[in-house]
Amino acid sequence: MVFGLDGFTLFHILLSLIGICAGFVVLGGFLANAKLDGATHVFLAATVATNVTAFGFPISQILPSHIVAGISLVVLAVALYARYGAQLAGAWRWIYVVTATAALYLNVFVLIVQTFIKNPALVAIAPTQSELPFAATQGATLVAFVVLGWLAVRRFSALRA
């Protein structure tokens, strides 16, 4: 690797954080019934790049993070087609909202996992990530994304391209 493992890790983390921030802007756009092209391009590009770079770390076996990245790439492929191929026409509009929201959720899911792995205070209360604080955090996040996704589909479907 050109920058070494530390540089690659930092690059991967920055892509992820950019994707998450832009994704929340896009999700806010859905909720406000606004098509935010600039934020959408950044969100999709950074999120695809985050998932692709997840496969660039040296490994000896497939990890759960690789499975999540693979699922996210499939979800993103549908989102990219819905947005750019189908131009949000007809049912592709709500399919885009659902897949974009799902891709953002998967990125946030991994962020929570990594936070619980790297933060000493969180490691102390959830050392194996099977404890209640971890499960409650992931559960609350999932519920929030389901509700926000549902609202986003309802509100963004009124916008015409």
N, C-alpha and C. Protein backbone atom coordinates (compact mmCIF):
# COMPACT_ATOMS: atom_id res chain seq x y z
N MET A 1 0.83 -1.18 0.00
CA MET A 1 0.00 0.00 0.00
C MET A 1 0.88 1.25 0.00
N VAL A 2 0.45 2.25 -0.71
CA VAL A 2 1.23 3.45 -0.89
C VAL A 2 1.49 4.17 0.43
N PHE A 3 0.49 4.29 1.28
CA PHE A 3 0.61 5.04 2.52
C PHE A 3 0.79 4.15 3.75
N GLY A 4 0.90 2.87 3.56
CA GLY A 4 0.98 1.95 4.67
C GLY A 4 -0.39 1.70 5.26
N LEU A 5 -0.44 0.76 6.19
CA LEU A 5 -1.73 0.37 6.78
C LEU A 5 -2.37 1.51 7.56
N ASP A 6 -1.58 2.29 8.30
CA ASP A 6 -2.15 3.40 9.06
C ASP A 6 -2.79 4.44 8.14
N GLY A 7 -2.11 4.77 7.05
CA GLY A 7 -2.64 5.73 6.10
C GLY A 7 -3.89 5.20 5.40
N PHE A 8 -3.88 3.92 5.06
CA PHE A 8 -5.03 3.31 4.42
C PHE A 8 -6.22 3.30 5.37
N THR A 9 -5.97 2.98 6.64
CA THR A 9 -7.03 2.98 7.64
C THR A 9 -7.62 4.37 7.80
N LEU A 10 -6.78 5.38 7.88
CA LEU A 10 -7.26 6.75 7.99
C LEU A 10 -8.09 7.14 6.77
N PHE A 11 -7.62 6.79 5.59
CA PHE A 11 -8.35 7.06 4.35
C PHE A 11 -9.73 6.39 4.39
N HIS A 12 -9.78 5.13 4.80
CA HIS A 12 -11.03 4.39 4.90
C HIS A 12 -11.99 5.05 5.90
N ILE A 13 -11.47 5.45 7.04
CA ILE A 13 -12.29 6.10 8.06
C ILE A 13 -12.82 7.44 7.55
N LEU A 14 -11.97 8.22 6.90
CA LEU A 14 -12.42 9.51 6.36
C LEU A 14 -13.52 9.33 5.31
N LEU A 15 -13.34 8.34 4.43
CA LEU A 15 -14.39 8.06 3.44
C LEU A 15 -15.70 7.71 4.13
N SER A 16 -15.60 6.89 5.16
CA SER A 16 -16.79 6.47 5.90
C SER A 16 -17.49 7.66 6.55
N LEU A 17 -16.72 8.51 7.21
CA LEU A 17 -17.32 9.68 7.88
C LEU A 17 -17.91 10.67 6.88
N ILE A 18 -17.24 10.85 5.75
CA ILE A 18 -17.79 11.72 4.70
C ILE A 18 -19.10 11.13 4.19
N GLY A 19 -19.11 9.82 3.95
CA GLY A 19 -20.33 9.16 3.47
C GLY A 19 -21.47 9.28 4.47
N ILE A 20 -21.17 9.08 5.75
CA ILE A 20 -22.20 9.18 6.78
C ILE A 20 -22.74 10.61 6.87
N CYS A 21 -21.86 11.58 6.91
CA CYS A 21 -22.31 12.99 6.99
C CYS A 21 -23.15 13.37 5.77
N ALA A 22 -22.66 13.05 4.58
CA ALA A 22 -23.42 13.36 3.37
C ALA A 22 -24.72 12.57 3.34
N GLY A 23 -24.69 11.35 3.84
CA GLY A 23 -25.90 10.53 3.88
C GLY A 23 -26.98 11.13 4.75
N PHE A 24 -26.59 11.70 5.88
CA PHE A 24 -27.58 12.35 6.72
C PHE A 24 -28.15 13.60 6.06
N VAL A 25 -27.33 14.29 5.29
CA VAL A 25 -27.83 15.44 4.52
C VAL A 25 -28.85 14.96 3.49
N VAL A 26 -28.52 13.88 2.78
CA VAL A 26 -29.44 13.31 1.78
C VAL A 26 -30.74 12.85 2.45
N LEU A 27 -30.62 12.16 3.58
CA LEU A 27 -31.81 11.71 4.30
C LEU A 27 -32.65 12.91 4.74
N GLY A 28 -32.00 13.97 5.19
CA GLY A 28 -32.73 15.20 5.52
C GLY A 28 -33.43 15.77 4.30
N GLY A 29 -32.78 15.67 3.15
CA GLY A 29 -33.41 16.11 1.90
C GLY A 29 -34.66 15.30 1.58
N PHE A 30 -34.57 13.98 1.79
CA PHE A 30 -35.76 13.15 1.58
C PHE A 30 -36.90 13.62 2.47
N LEU A 31 -36.57 13.85 3.73
CA LEU A 31 -37.60 14.25 4.70
C LEU A 31 -38.17 15.63 4.39
N ALA A 32 -37.37 16.49 3.77
CA ALA A 32 -37.82 17.84 3.40
C ALA A 32 -38.36 17.87 1.97
N ASN A 33 -38.44 16.71 1.34
CA ASN A 33 -38.93 16.60 -0.04
C ASN A 33 -38.05 17.41 -0.99
N ALA A 34 -36.72 17.31 -0.78
CA ALA A 34 -35.76 18.05 -1.60
C ALA A 34 -34.76 17.09 -2.23
N LYS A 35 -34.53 17.27 -3.49
CA LYS A 35 -33.55 16.46 -4.22
C LYS A 35 -32.21 17.20 -4.16
N LEU A 36 -31.28 16.68 -3.39
CA LEU A 36 -29.99 17.34 -3.16
C LEU A 36 -28.90 16.64 -3.97
N ASP A 37 -28.72 17.06 -5.21
CA ASP A 37 -27.82 16.36 -6.12
C ASP A 37 -26.38 16.33 -5.63
N GLY A 38 -25.84 17.45 -5.16
CA GLY A 38 -24.45 17.48 -4.72
C GLY A 38 -24.19 16.53 -3.57
N ALA A 39 -25.02 16.60 -2.55
CA ALA A 39 -24.87 15.71 -1.39
C ALA A 39 -25.08 14.26 -1.80
N THR A 40 -25.99 14.03 -2.73
CA THR A 40 -26.24 12.66 -3.21
C THR A 40 -25.00 12.09 -3.88
N HIS A 41 -24.36 12.87 -4.75
CA HIS A 41 -23.15 12.39 -5.43
C HIS A 41 -22.06 12.06 -4.42
N VAL A 42 -21.86 12.94 -3.45
CA VAL A 42 -20.83 12.72 -2.42
C VAL A 42 -21.17 11.49 -1.60
N PHE A 43 -22.42 11.38 -1.15
CA PHE A 43 -22.85 10.25 -0.34
C PHE A 43 -22.62 8.93 -1.07
N LEU A 44 -23.11 8.83 -2.29
CA LEU A 44 -22.98 7.57 -3.01
C LEU A 44 -21.53 7.24 -3.33
N ALA A 45 -20.75 8.21 -3.77
CA ALA A 45 -19.34 7.95 -4.10
C ALA A 45 -18.55 7.55 -2.85
N ALA A 46 -18.72 8.29 -1.78
CA ALA A 46 -17.97 8.00 -0.55
C ALA A 46 -18.39 6.66 0.06
N THR A 47 -19.66 6.34 -0.01
CA THR A 47 -20.15 5.10 0.57
C THR A 47 -19.70 3.90 -0.25
N VAL A 48 -19.73 4.01 -1.56
CA VAL A 48 -19.18 2.93 -2.40
C VAL A 48 -17.70 2.77 -2.11
N ALA A 49 -16.96 3.87 -2.06
CA ALA A 49 -15.52 3.80 -1.80
C ALA A 49 -15.22 3.21 -0.42
N THR A 50 -16.01 3.56 0.57
CA THR A 50 -15.84 3.00 1.92
C THR A 50 -15.97 1.48 1.88
N ASN A 51 -17.00 1.00 1.21
CA ASN A 51 -17.24 -0.44 1.16
C ASN A 51 -16.18 -1.17 0.34
N VAL A 52 -15.73 -0.56 -0.73
CA VAL A 52 -14.67 -1.18 -1.55
C VAL A 52 -13.37 -1.24 -0.75
N THR A 53 -13.02 -0.15 -0.07
CA THR A 53 -11.76 -0.14 0.68
C THR A 53 -11.80 -1.09 1.87
N ALA A 54 -12.99 -1.47 2.33
CA ALA A 54 -13.09 -2.44 3.43
C ALA A 54 -12.42 -3.76 3.05
N PHE A 55 -12.37 -4.05 1.76
CA PHE A 55 -11.75 -5.29 1.29
C PHE A 55 -10.24 -5.15 1.09
N GLY A 56 -9.70 -3.95 1.35
CA GLY A 56 -8.28 -3.71 1.13
C GLY A 56 -7.39 -3.98 2.33
N PHE A 57 -8.00 -4.31 3.47
CA PHE A 57 -7.21 -4.60 4.66
C PHE A 57 -6.70 -6.04 4.62
N PRO A 58 -5.49 -6.27 5.12
CA PRO A 58 -4.97 -7.64 5.13
C PRO A 58 -5.80 -8.50 6.09
N ILE A 59 -6.26 -9.63 5.58
CA ILE A 59 -7.07 -10.53 6.39
C ILE A 59 -6.68 -11.98 6.11
N SER A 60 -7.03 -12.85 7.03
CA SER A 60 -6.80 -14.27 6.81
C SER A 60 -8.12 -15.01 6.63
N GLN A 61 -9.23 -14.32 6.89
CA GLN A 61 -10.55 -14.91 6.72
C GLN A 61 -11.58 -13.81 6.48
N ILE A 62 -12.73 -14.21 5.96
CA ILE A 62 -13.83 -13.25 5.78
C ILE A 62 -14.40 -12.91 7.15
N LEU A 63 -14.54 -11.62 7.40
CA LEU A 63 -15.04 -11.12 8.68
C LEU A 63 -16.46 -10.59 8.50
N PRO A 64 -17.19 -10.41 9.60
CA PRO A 64 -18.53 -9.82 9.49
C PRO A 64 -18.53 -8.47 8.76
N SER A 65 -17.46 -7.69 8.95
CA SER A 65 -17.37 -6.39 8.27
C SER A 65 -17.35 -6.56 6.75
N HIS A 66 -16.76 -7.63 6.26
CA HIS A 66 -16.74 -7.89 4.81
C HIS A 66 -18.13 -8.28 4.31
N ILE A 67 -18.85 -9.02 5.12
CA ILE A 67 -20.21 -9.40 4.74
C ILE A 67 -21.10 -8.16 4.67
N VAL A 68 -20.98 -7.29 5.68
CA VAL A 68 -21.75 -6.03 5.68
C VAL A 68 -21.37 -5.18 4.47
N ALA A 69 -20.08 -5.08 4.18
CA ALA A 69 -19.63 -4.31 3.01
C ALA A 69 -20.18 -4.90 1.71
N GLY A 70 -20.19 -6.22 1.61
CA GLY A 70 -20.75 -6.86 0.41
C GLY A 70 -22.23 -6.59 0.25
N ILE A 71 -22.97 -6.72 1.34
CA ILE A 71 -24.41 -6.43 1.30
C ILE A 71 -24.62 -4.96 0.93
N SER A 72 -23.84 -4.08 1.53
CA SER A 72 -23.97 -2.65 1.24
C SER A 72 -23.69 -2.37 -0.24
N LEU A 73 -22.70 -3.01 -0.82
CA LEU A 73 -22.40 -2.79 -2.24
C LEU A 73 -23.55 -3.23 -3.14
N VAL A 74 -24.22 -4.32 -2.78
CA VAL A 74 -25.39 -4.76 -3.56
C VAL A 74 -26.51 -3.73 -3.43
N VAL A 75 -26.76 -3.27 -2.20
CA VAL A 75 -27.79 -2.25 -1.95
C VAL A 75 -27.44 -0.97 -2.73
N LEU A 76 -26.17 -0.59 -2.69
CA LEU A 76 -25.73 0.61 -3.40
C LEU A 76 -25.86 0.47 -4.91
N ALA A 77 -25.64 -0.72 -5.44
CA ALA A 77 -25.81 -0.94 -6.88
C ALA A 77 -27.25 -0.65 -7.30
N VAL A 78 -28.19 -1.09 -6.48
CA VAL A 78 -29.60 -0.81 -6.77
C VAL A 78 -29.87 0.69 -6.64
N ALA A 79 -29.34 1.31 -5.59
CA ALA A 79 -29.53 2.76 -5.40
C ALA A 79 -28.96 3.55 -6.57
N LEU A 80 -27.77 3.16 -7.02
CA LEU A 80 -27.14 3.86 -8.15
C LEU A 80 -27.96 3.71 -9.42
N TYR A 81 -28.48 2.51 -9.66
CA TYR A 81 -29.33 2.32 -10.84
C TYR A 81 -30.60 3.15 -10.72
N ALA A 82 -31.23 3.10 -9.56
CA ALA A 82 -32.48 3.85 -9.36
C ALA A 82 -32.27 5.34 -9.57
N ARG A 83 -31.16 5.86 -9.04
CA ARG A 83 -30.89 7.31 -9.13
C ARG A 83 -30.43 7.73 -10.51
N TYR A 84 -29.45 7.02 -11.06
CA TYR A 84 -28.82 7.47 -12.30
C TYR A 84 -29.33 6.73 -13.54
N GLY A 85 -29.61 5.45 -13.41
CA GLY A 85 -30.10 4.67 -14.56
C GLY A 85 -31.57 4.92 -14.83
N ALA A 86 -32.37 4.75 -13.79
CA ALA A 86 -33.82 4.90 -13.94
C ALA A 86 -34.29 6.33 -13.70
N GLN A 87 -33.37 7.22 -13.26
CA GLN A 87 -33.69 8.64 -13.05
C GLN A 87 -34.86 8.86 -12.10
N LEU A 88 -35.01 7.97 -11.11
CA LEU A 88 -36.05 8.06 -10.09
C LEU A 88 -37.47 7.99 -10.67
N ALA A 89 -37.61 7.38 -11.83
CA ALA A 89 -38.92 7.30 -12.47
C ALA A 89 -39.77 6.21 -11.82
N GLY A 90 -41.02 6.53 -11.60
CA GLY A 90 -41.97 5.56 -11.07
C GLY A 90 -41.54 4.98 -9.74
N ALA A 91 -41.61 3.66 -9.66
CA ALA A 91 -41.27 2.96 -8.42
C ALA A 91 -39.80 3.12 -8.05
N TRP A 92 -38.96 3.48 -9.01
CA TRP A 92 -37.53 3.65 -8.71
C TRP A 92 -37.27 4.78 -7.72
N ARG A 93 -38.22 5.69 -7.61
CA ARG A 93 -38.07 6.79 -6.66
C ARG A 93 -38.06 6.25 -5.22
N TRP A 94 -39.08 5.45 -4.85
CA TRP A 94 -39.10 4.92 -3.49
C TRP A 94 -38.04 3.85 -3.30
N ILE A 95 -37.71 3.10 -4.35
CA ILE A 95 -36.64 2.11 -4.25
C ILE A 95 -35.31 2.81 -3.95
N TYR A 96 -35.09 3.94 -4.57
CA TYR A 96 -33.88 4.71 -4.28
C TYR A 96 -33.85 5.17 -2.83
N VAL A 97 -34.95 5.70 -2.35
CA VAL A 97 -35.00 6.18 -0.97
C VAL A 97 -34.72 5.03 0.00
N VAL A 98 -35.33 3.89 -0.23
CA VAL A 98 -35.14 2.74 0.66
C VAL A 98 -33.69 2.25 0.60
N THR A 99 -33.13 2.13 -0.58
CA THR A 99 -31.76 1.60 -0.69
C THR A 99 -30.72 2.60 -0.20
N ALA A 100 -30.92 3.88 -0.47
CA ALA A 100 -29.99 4.89 0.05
C ALA A 100 -30.04 4.94 1.57
N THR A 101 -31.23 4.86 2.13
CA THR A 101 -31.38 4.86 3.58
C THR A 101 -30.76 3.59 4.18
N ALA A 102 -30.95 2.47 3.53
CA ALA A 102 -30.36 1.22 4.01
C ALA A 102 -28.84 1.27 3.96
N ALA A 103 -28.28 1.85 2.90
CA ALA A 103 -26.82 1.97 2.80
C ALA A 103 -26.28 2.87 3.91
N LEU A 104 -26.97 3.95 4.19
CA LEU A 104 -26.56 4.83 5.28
C LEU A 104 -26.65 4.08 6.61
N TYR A 105 -27.73 3.36 6.82
CA TYR A 105 -27.87 2.58 8.06
C TYR A 105 -26.70 1.60 8.22
N LEU A 106 -26.35 0.90 7.16
CA LEU A 106 -25.25 -0.07 7.26
C LEU A 106 -23.94 0.60 7.63
N ASN A 107 -23.71 1.79 7.10
CA ASN A 107 -22.50 2.54 7.47
C ASN A 107 -22.54 2.94 8.95
N VAL A 108 -23.69 3.38 9.42
CA VAL A 108 -23.84 3.76 10.82
C VAL A 108 -23.72 2.53 11.72
N PHE A 109 -24.27 1.41 11.28
CA PHE A 109 -24.16 0.15 12.01
C PHE A 109 -22.68 -0.18 12.25
N VAL A 110 -21.87 -0.09 11.20
CA VAL A 110 -20.44 -0.37 11.33
C VAL A 110 -19.77 0.68 12.22
N LEU A 111 -20.17 1.93 12.10
CA LEU A 111 -19.62 2.98 12.97
C LEU A 111 -19.87 2.64 14.45
N ILE A 112 -21.05 2.18 14.76
CA ILE A 112 -21.37 1.81 16.14
C ILE A 112 -20.51 0.63 16.58
N VAL A 113 -20.39 -0.37 15.74
CA VAL A 113 -19.54 -1.53 16.07
C VAL A 113 -18.12 -1.07 16.36
N GLN A 114 -17.56 -0.27 15.45
CA GLN A 114 -16.19 0.20 15.63
C GLN A 114 -16.03 1.07 16.88
N THR A 115 -17.04 1.87 17.17
CA THR A 115 -16.99 2.71 18.37
C THR A 115 -16.97 1.84 19.63
N PHE A 116 -17.78 0.79 19.64
CA PHE A 116 -17.79 -0.11 20.79
C PHE A 116 -16.50 -0.93 20.89
N ILE A 117 -15.81 -1.13 19.78
CA ILE A 117 -14.53 -1.87 19.80
C ILE A 117 -13.39 -0.97 20.26
N LYS A 118 -13.39 0.29 19.84
CA LYS A 118 -12.24 1.18 20.05
C LYS A 118 -12.32 2.07 21.27
N ASN A 119 -13.51 2.33 21.79
CA ASN A 119 -13.67 3.24 22.92
C ASN A 119 -13.57 2.46 24.23
N PRO A 120 -12.56 2.74 25.05
CA PRO A 120 -12.37 1.97 26.28
C PRO A 120 -13.59 1.96 27.21
N ALA A 121 -14.29 3.07 27.32
CA ALA A 121 -15.48 3.11 28.18
C ALA A 121 -16.56 2.17 27.66
N LEU A 122 -16.71 2.09 26.35
CA LEU A 122 -17.72 1.20 25.77
C LEU A 122 -17.27 -0.25 25.82
N VAL A 123 -15.97 -0.48 25.68
CA VAL A 123 -15.45 -1.84 25.82
C VAL A 123 -15.73 -2.36 27.23
N ALA A 124 -15.62 -1.48 28.20
CA ALA A 124 -15.85 -1.87 29.60
C ALA A 124 -17.30 -2.32 29.84
N ILE A 125 -18.26 -1.67 29.17
CA ILE A 125 -19.66 -2.03 29.41
C ILE A 125 -20.19 -3.07 28.42
N ALA A 126 -19.46 -3.29 27.32
CA ALA A 126 -19.90 -4.28 26.32
C ALA A 126 -18.68 -4.92 25.67
N PRO A 127 -17.91 -5.69 26.45
CA PRO A 127 -16.65 -6.24 25.94
C PRO A 127 -16.80 -7.23 24.77
N THR A 128 -17.92 -7.93 24.69
CA THR A 128 -18.09 -8.91 23.61
C THR A 128 -19.12 -8.47 22.57
N GLN A 129 -19.68 -7.31 22.75
CA GLN A 129 -20.74 -6.76 21.90
C GLN A 129 -21.98 -7.64 21.87
N SER A 130 -22.17 -8.40 22.92
CA SER A 130 -23.41 -9.16 23.07
C SER A 130 -24.18 -8.68 24.29
N GLU A 131 -23.65 -7.65 24.94
CA GLU A 131 -24.27 -7.10 26.13
C GLU A 131 -25.39 -6.12 25.78
N LEU A 132 -26.22 -5.84 26.77
CA LEU A 132 -27.39 -4.97 26.58
C LEU A 132 -27.05 -3.58 26.02
N PRO A 133 -26.01 -2.89 26.50
CA PRO A 133 -25.76 -1.55 25.96
C PRO A 133 -25.52 -1.56 24.44
N PHE A 134 -24.79 -2.54 23.97
CA PHE A 134 -24.53 -2.64 22.53
C PHE A 134 -25.82 -2.98 21.78
N ALA A 135 -26.54 -3.99 22.27
CA ALA A 135 -27.78 -4.41 21.61
C ALA A 135 -28.80 -3.28 21.61
N ALA A 136 -28.91 -2.56 22.72
CA ALA A 136 -29.87 -1.45 22.81
C ALA A 136 -29.50 -0.34 21.84
N THR A 137 -28.21 -0.04 21.74
CA THR A 137 -27.77 1.00 20.82
C THR A 137 -28.07 0.61 19.38
N GLN A 138 -27.73 -0.61 19.02
CA GLN A 138 -27.99 -1.07 17.64
C GLN A 138 -29.50 -1.16 17.39
N GLY A 139 -30.25 -1.63 18.37
CA GLY A 139 -31.70 -1.73 18.21
C GLY A 139 -32.37 -0.37 18.03
N ALA A 140 -31.96 0.57 18.86
CA ALA A 140 -32.52 1.93 18.75
C ALA A 140 -32.15 2.56 17.41
N THR A 141 -30.95 2.31 16.96
CA THR A 141 -30.52 2.85 15.66
C THR A 141 -31.34 2.24 14.54
N LEU A 142 -31.56 0.95 14.59
CA LEU A 142 -32.38 0.29 13.56
C LEU A 142 -33.79 0.85 13.55
N VAL A 143 -34.40 0.98 14.71
CA VAL A 143 -35.76 1.52 14.80
C VAL A 143 -35.80 2.94 14.23
N ALA A 144 -34.81 3.76 14.61
CA ALA A 144 -34.76 5.14 14.11
C ALA A 144 -34.67 5.16 12.58
N PHE A 145 -33.84 4.30 12.01
CA PHE A 145 -33.70 4.27 10.55
C PHE A 145 -34.95 3.74 9.85
N VAL A 146 -35.62 2.78 10.45
CA VAL A 146 -36.87 2.29 9.86
C VAL A 146 -37.91 3.41 9.85
N VAL A 147 -38.04 4.12 10.96
CA VAL A 147 -39.01 5.23 11.03
C VAL A 147 -38.62 6.33 10.05
N LEU A 148 -37.35 6.74 10.07
CA LEU A 148 -36.90 7.79 9.15
C LEU A 148 -37.05 7.36 7.69
N GLY A 149 -36.75 6.11 7.41
CA GLY A 149 -36.90 5.59 6.04
C GLY A 149 -38.35 5.61 5.59
N TRP A 150 -39.24 5.21 6.49
CA TRP A 150 -40.66 5.22 6.16
C TRP A 150 -41.14 6.65 5.89
N LEU A 151 -40.74 7.57 6.76
CA LEU A 151 -41.10 8.98 6.54
C LEU A 151 -40.50 9.52 5.25
N ALA A 152 -39.26 9.13 4.98
CA ALA A 152 -38.58 9.60 3.77
C ALA A 152 -39.30 9.12 2.52
N VAL A 153 -39.72 7.88 2.50
CA VAL A 153 -40.47 7.36 1.34
C VAL A 153 -41.76 8.14 1.16
N ARG A 154 -42.46 8.37 2.25
CA ARG A 154 -43.74 9.11 2.17
C ARG A 154 -43.54 10.53 1.67
N ARG A 155 -42.51 11.20 2.17
CA ARG A 155 -42.32 12.62 1.85
C ARG A 155 -41.63 12.85 0.52
N PHE A 156 -40.64 12.02 0.19
CA PHE A 156 -39.87 12.23 -1.04
C PHE A 156 -40.63 11.78 -2.28
N SER A 157 -41.60 10.92 -2.12
CA SER A 157 -42.33 10.42 -3.29
C SER A 157 -43.18 11.52 -3.94
N ALA A 158 -43.42 12.60 -3.21
CA ALA A 158 -44.21 13.70 -3.78
C ALA A 158 -43.39 14.57 -4.71
N LEU A 159 -42.04 14.49 -4.60
CA LEU A 159 -41.17 15.32 -5.44
C LEU A 159 -41.08 14.73 -6.84
N ARG A 160 -41.16 15.53 -7.81
CA ARG A 160 -41.04 15.07 -9.20
C ARG A 160 -39.69 15.51 -9.75
N ALA A 161 -39.09 14.65 -10.52
CA ALA A 161 -37.74 14.90 -11.06
C ALA A 161 -37.67 16.14 -11.92
